[in-house]
Amino acid sequence: MKRKITEKERQRYIKRFKELTIKDDFMFCKVMQKESICSKVLNIVLEDHHRIEGIKRISSQADINNHPELKAVRFDILVEDEKGNSYDVEMQVVNNKNIRKRMRVYQAAIDMSKMNKGIDYNEIEDSIIIFFCMFDPIGAGLPVYFFENYCRQNKDIELGDGTYKVILNVPSWERLEDGQLKSLLRYFSNGEVTSEVAKEMDMQTTAIKNDSIITEEYVSMYAKYWDIRRDREEEGRRKGKIEGIK
């Protein structure tokens, strides 16, 4: 039976919601659901490499489960442009030291979800995985890591398989030359608004915080999270007590 939260708990959750920044998964996903913001962010990150003319679909907290016996993959923001290319955009605050393998799994999940029966391999569009990280998962100190497949013997030869991975090392924004990407990462890092897209994201964040429906959505989600955590802790204590008696 679902526990009814107290008014004191509700006010605590609302206070937490009002303090959210773009770094929080919930806020990041809500802001990036706005098509104009999402397309601008993608174009800034990918610059001349990929140009998004229009977005066909944006899914927030989207699940892809390619097989009932396999682990499902959940994406923060999954985008499909009008050409059929897919973009997974993630916000990562905690370093679980698994970014490299996660990117591999996410890309595989996207590709397999598009493998309809009878499709020709050459019909598969590009897939791009993008991680905004509040740490440097690679450790080389670069503000941007853009990965694609090259021939080891001759790096002028590209594999051209249409898969790309981008890691943004947000705290290193100062190392970038002045421009939109620097301003974007600066906003993600400390909330400073120094560009039009940062201004638009900041305004959207404020609008979301003033939306009563989204507020209640967050309260419900957060209350459920703490109930699950409380139940697990109680179960752990119960098992520990039984083991202690034994």
Protein backbone atom coordinates (compact mmCIF):
# COMPACT_ATOMS: atom_id res chain seq x y z
CA MET A 1 0.00 0.00 0.00
CA LYS A 2 1.35 3.40 -0.98
CA ARG A 3 2.26 5.53 2.03
CA LYS A 4 0.79 9.01 2.16
CA ILE A 5 3.49 11.62 2.61
CA THR A 6 3.16 14.15 5.40
CA GLU A 7 2.87 17.87 4.74
CA LYS A 8 6.28 18.37 6.32
CA GLU A 9 7.80 15.87 3.88
CA ARG A 10 5.99 17.47 0.97
CA GLN A 11 7.32 20.93 1.81
CA ARG A 12 10.84 19.48 2.11
CA TYR A 13 10.57 17.92 -1.35
CA ILE A 14 9.22 21.18 -2.82
CA LYS A 15 12.12 23.11 -1.25
CA ARG A 16 14.55 20.65 -2.82
CA PHE A 17 12.81 21.04 -6.19
CA LYS A 18 13.14 24.84 -6.07
CA GLU A 19 16.89 24.44 -5.47
CA LEU A 20 17.50 22.20 -8.50
CA THR A 21 19.98 23.32 -11.14
CA ILE A 22 20.59 22.16 -14.70
CA LYS A 23 23.04 19.58 -13.29
CA ASP A 24 20.20 17.56 -11.77
CA ASP A 25 18.88 14.76 -14.00
CA PHE A 26 15.26 15.75 -13.46
CA MET A 27 15.79 19.39 -14.39
CA PHE A 28 18.19 18.58 -17.23
CA CYS A 29 15.64 16.25 -18.82
CA LYS A 30 12.79 18.74 -18.47
CA VAL A 31 14.79 21.61 -19.96
CA MET A 32 16.14 19.51 -22.84
CA GLN A 33 12.63 18.38 -23.77
CA LYS A 34 12.08 21.82 -25.27
CA GLU A 35 12.84 21.36 -28.97
CA SER A 36 14.40 24.79 -29.57
CA ILE A 37 16.83 24.31 -26.66
CA CYS A 38 17.66 20.72 -27.54
CA SER A 39 18.48 21.48 -31.18
CA LYS A 40 20.66 24.45 -30.20
CA VAL A 41 22.59 22.41 -27.64
CA LEU A 42 23.19 19.60 -30.13
CA ASN A 43 24.37 21.98 -32.83
CA ILE A 44 26.72 23.75 -30.41
CA VAL A 45 28.25 20.49 -29.20
CA LEU A 46 28.57 18.90 -32.65
CA GLU A 47 29.47 22.15 -34.45
CA ASP A 48 30.12 21.44 -38.13
CA HIS A 49 30.30 17.67 -37.71
CA HIS A 50 26.54 17.16 -37.62
CA ARG A 51 23.92 19.78 -38.35
CA ILE A 52 20.44 19.25 -36.90
CA GLU A 53 17.96 21.02 -39.15
CA GLY A 54 14.89 19.71 -37.40
CA ILE A 55 13.90 17.31 -34.63
CA LYS A 56 11.38 14.57 -35.30
CA ARG A 57 11.12 13.16 -31.79
CA ILE A 58 12.41 13.85 -28.24
CA SER A 59 11.99 11.26 -25.49
CA SER A 60 12.89 11.93 -21.87
CA GLN A 61 13.94 9.08 -19.55
CA ALA A 62 13.31 6.73 -22.46
CA ASP A 63 13.72 2.98 -22.02
CA ILE A 64 14.93 0.64 -24.75
CA ASN A 65 14.44 -3.04 -24.03
CA ASN A 66 15.52 -5.05 -27.06
CA HIS A 67 14.92 -8.42 -25.41
CA PRO A 68 12.91 -9.45 -22.31
CA GLU A 69 15.88 -11.37 -20.90
CA LEU A 70 18.38 -8.54 -21.41
CA LYS A 71 19.01 -5.45 -19.31
CA ALA A 72 16.95 -2.46 -20.42
CA VAL A 73 18.76 0.81 -21.13
CA ARG A 74 17.38 4.14 -19.91
CA PHE A 75 18.42 7.37 -21.62
CA ASP A 76 18.16 10.89 -20.16
CA ILE A 77 17.28 12.41 -23.52
CA LEU A 78 16.88 10.41 -26.72
CA VAL A 79 16.48 12.47 -29.89
CA GLU A 80 15.75 11.55 -33.48
CA ASP A 81 16.26 14.20 -36.13
CA GLU A 82 14.38 14.50 -39.41
CA LYS A 83 17.07 12.47 -41.20
CA GLY A 84 16.64 9.56 -38.79
CA ASN A 85 19.90 10.10 -36.89
CA SER A 86 19.77 9.33 -33.16
CA TYR A 87 21.28 11.35 -30.33
CA ASP A 88 21.52 10.24 -26.72
CA VAL A 89 22.26 13.14 -24.36
CA GLU A 90 23.22 12.39 -20.76
CA MET A 91 24.02 14.47 -17.69
CA GLN A 92 26.50 12.74 -15.36
CA VAL A 93 27.35 14.25 -11.97
CA VAL A 94 28.72 11.23 -10.10
CA ASN A 95 31.78 9.41 -11.42
CA ASN A 96 30.93 5.70 -11.32
CA LYS A 97 33.94 5.01 -13.52
CA ASN A 98 31.88 3.25 -16.17
CA ILE A 99 31.33 5.94 -18.82
CA ARG A 100 33.31 4.19 -21.55
CA LYS A 101 31.41 0.90 -21.34
CA ARG A 102 28.08 2.66 -20.79
CA MET A 103 28.55 4.57 -24.04
CA ARG A 104 29.23 1.30 -25.83
CA VAL A 105 26.05 -0.28 -24.42
CA TYR A 106 23.91 2.78 -25.14
CA GLN A 107 25.07 2.91 -28.74
CA ALA A 108 24.42 -0.80 -29.23
CA ALA A 109 20.92 -0.46 -27.74
CA ILE A 110 20.03 2.38 -30.11
CA ASP A 111 21.33 0.52 -33.16
CA MET A 112 19.53 -2.73 -32.29
CA SER A 113 16.26 -0.86 -31.72
CA LYS A 114 16.41 0.27 -35.36
CA MET A 115 17.14 -3.16 -36.82
CA ASN A 116 13.74 -3.97 -38.25
CA LYS A 117 13.39 -7.21 -40.18
CA GLY A 118 14.55 -6.90 -43.75
CA ILE A 119 16.45 -3.66 -43.22
CA ASP A 120 19.67 -3.23 -45.16
CA TYR A 121 22.71 -2.44 -43.02
CA ASN A 122 23.45 0.62 -45.14
CA GLU A 123 20.05 2.04 -44.20
CA ILE A 124 21.03 2.45 -40.54
CA GLU A 125 21.41 6.15 -39.74
CA ASP A 126 24.06 7.68 -37.51
CA SER A 127 23.98 7.42 -33.72
CA ILE A 128 25.74 9.91 -31.46
CA ILE A 129 26.20 9.47 -27.70
CA ILE A 130 26.84 12.68 -25.74
CA PHE A 131 27.78 12.86 -22.05
CA PHE A 132 27.99 16.11 -20.10
CA CYS A 133 30.25 15.13 -17.18
CA MET A 134 30.97 17.12 -14.02
CA PHE A 135 34.35 15.40 -13.92
CA ASP A 136 36.99 14.21 -16.36
CA PRO A 137 36.24 10.51 -17.08
CA ILE A 138 39.20 10.16 -19.46
CA GLY A 139 41.75 11.97 -17.32
CA ALA A 140 43.63 13.73 -20.12
CA GLY A 141 42.45 17.21 -19.15
CA LEU A 142 40.68 18.03 -22.43
CA PRO A 143 37.39 19.96 -22.22
CA VAL A 144 35.98 17.95 -25.15
CA TYR A 145 36.62 14.35 -26.22
CA PHE A 146 35.16 13.50 -29.64
CA PHE A 147 35.58 9.86 -30.62
CA GLU A 148 35.06 8.20 -33.98
CA ASN A 149 36.57 5.17 -35.66
CA TYR A 150 39.81 5.49 -37.63
CA CYS A 151 42.31 3.06 -39.10
CA ARG A 152 45.22 2.61 -36.69
CA GLN A 153 47.75 2.29 -39.53
CA ASN A 154 46.51 5.41 -41.30
CA LYS A 155 44.36 7.87 -39.34
CA ASP A 156 43.35 9.58 -42.58
CA ILE A 157 41.16 6.54 -43.23
CA GLU A 158 37.82 6.69 -41.43
CA LEU A 159 35.70 3.60 -40.89
CA GLY A 160 32.58 5.65 -41.55
CA ASP A 161 30.23 3.41 -39.59
CA GLY A 162 28.17 6.39 -38.42
CA THR A 163 28.87 5.98 -34.69
CA TYR A 164 30.27 8.82 -32.60
CA LYS A 165 30.85 9.45 -28.91
CA VAL A 166 31.29 12.86 -27.31
CA ILE A 167 32.31 13.56 -23.71
CA LEU A 168 32.14 17.12 -22.39
CA ASN A 169 34.44 17.67 -19.41
CA VAL A 170 32.34 20.51 -17.96
CA PRO A 171 34.72 21.76 -15.22
CA SER A 172 37.36 22.43 -17.90
CA TRP A 173 35.21 25.00 -19.73
CA GLU A 174 37.81 27.74 -19.18
CA ARG A 175 40.25 25.91 -21.48
CA LEU A 176 37.98 26.42 -24.48
CA GLU A 177 38.25 29.37 -26.81
CA ASP A 178 35.53 31.97 -26.42
CA GLY A 179 32.37 30.82 -28.13
CA GLN A 180 29.01 29.14 -27.66
CA LEU A 181 30.39 25.85 -26.36
CA LYS A 182 32.44 27.60 -23.68
CA SER A 183 29.37 29.58 -22.59
CA LEU A 184 27.24 26.43 -22.54
CA LEU A 185 29.68 24.47 -20.37
CA ARG A 186 30.16 27.50 -18.15
CA TYR A 187 26.41 27.55 -17.52
CA PHE A 188 26.39 23.84 -16.74
CA SER A 189 29.35 24.32 -14.39
CA ASN A 190 28.30 27.31 -12.30
CA GLY A 191 25.01 28.68 -13.65
CA GLU A 192 26.52 31.82 -15.21
CA VAL A 193 24.47 33.08 -18.14
CA THR A 194 26.78 34.42 -20.87
CA SER A 195 24.99 33.39 -24.09
CA GLU A 196 21.53 33.28 -25.64
CA VAL A 197 21.17 29.51 -25.28
CA ALA A 198 22.23 29.70 -21.60
CA LYS A 199 19.68 32.47 -21.10
CA GLU A 200 16.96 30.37 -22.73
CA MET A 201 17.86 27.35 -20.58
CA ASP A 202 17.87 29.48 -17.44
CA MET A 203 14.46 30.94 -18.27
CA GLN A 204 13.12 27.45 -18.95
CA THR A 205 14.49 26.26 -15.59
CA THR A 206 12.63 29.09 -13.83
CA ALA A 207 9.43 28.31 -15.74
CA ILE A 208 9.67 24.64 -14.76
CA LYS A 209 10.12 25.53 -11.09
CA ASN A 210 6.97 27.66 -11.26
CA ASP A 211 4.92 24.91 -12.91
CA SER A 212 2.63 23.35 -10.29
CA ILE A 213 2.09 20.14 -12.29
CA ILE A 214 5.83 19.51 -12.68
CA THR A 215 6.33 20.37 -9.01
CA GLU A 216 3.85 17.67 -7.98
CA GLU A 217 5.48 15.25 -10.42
CA TYR A 218 8.82 15.81 -8.68
CA VAL A 219 7.28 15.49 -5.19
CA SER A 220 5.66 12.19 -6.15
CA MET A 221 8.86 10.88 -7.76
CA TYR A 222 11.07 11.89 -4.86
CA ALA A 223 8.66 10.52 -2.24
CA LYS A 224 8.61 7.19 -4.09
CA TYR A 225 12.42 7.18 -4.21
CA TRP A 226 12.71 7.69 -0.46
CA ASP A 227 10.03 5.07 0.25
CA ILE A 228 11.98 2.52 -1.81
CA ARG A 229 15.21 3.48 -0.07
CA ARG A 230 13.55 3.26 3.36
CA ASP A 231 12.08 -0.15 2.55
CA ARG A 232 15.49 -1.45 1.45
CA GLU A 233 17.14 -0.15 4.61
CA GLU A 234 14.46 -1.74 6.79
CA GLU A 235 14.82 -5.01 4.89
CA GLY A 236 18.59 -4.85 5.42
CA ARG A 237 18.16 -4.27 9.15
CA ARG A 238 15.63 -7.11 9.36
CA LYS A 239 17.99 -9.53 7.63
CA GLY A 240 20.86 -8.33 9.82
CA LYS A 241 18.81 -8.95 12.94
CA ILE A 242 17.93 -12.47 11.80
CA GLU A 243 21.58 -13.21 11.05
CA GLY A 244 22.55 -11.79 14.42
CA ILE A 245 20.06 -14.09 16.18
CA LYS A 246 21.41 -17.07 14.26
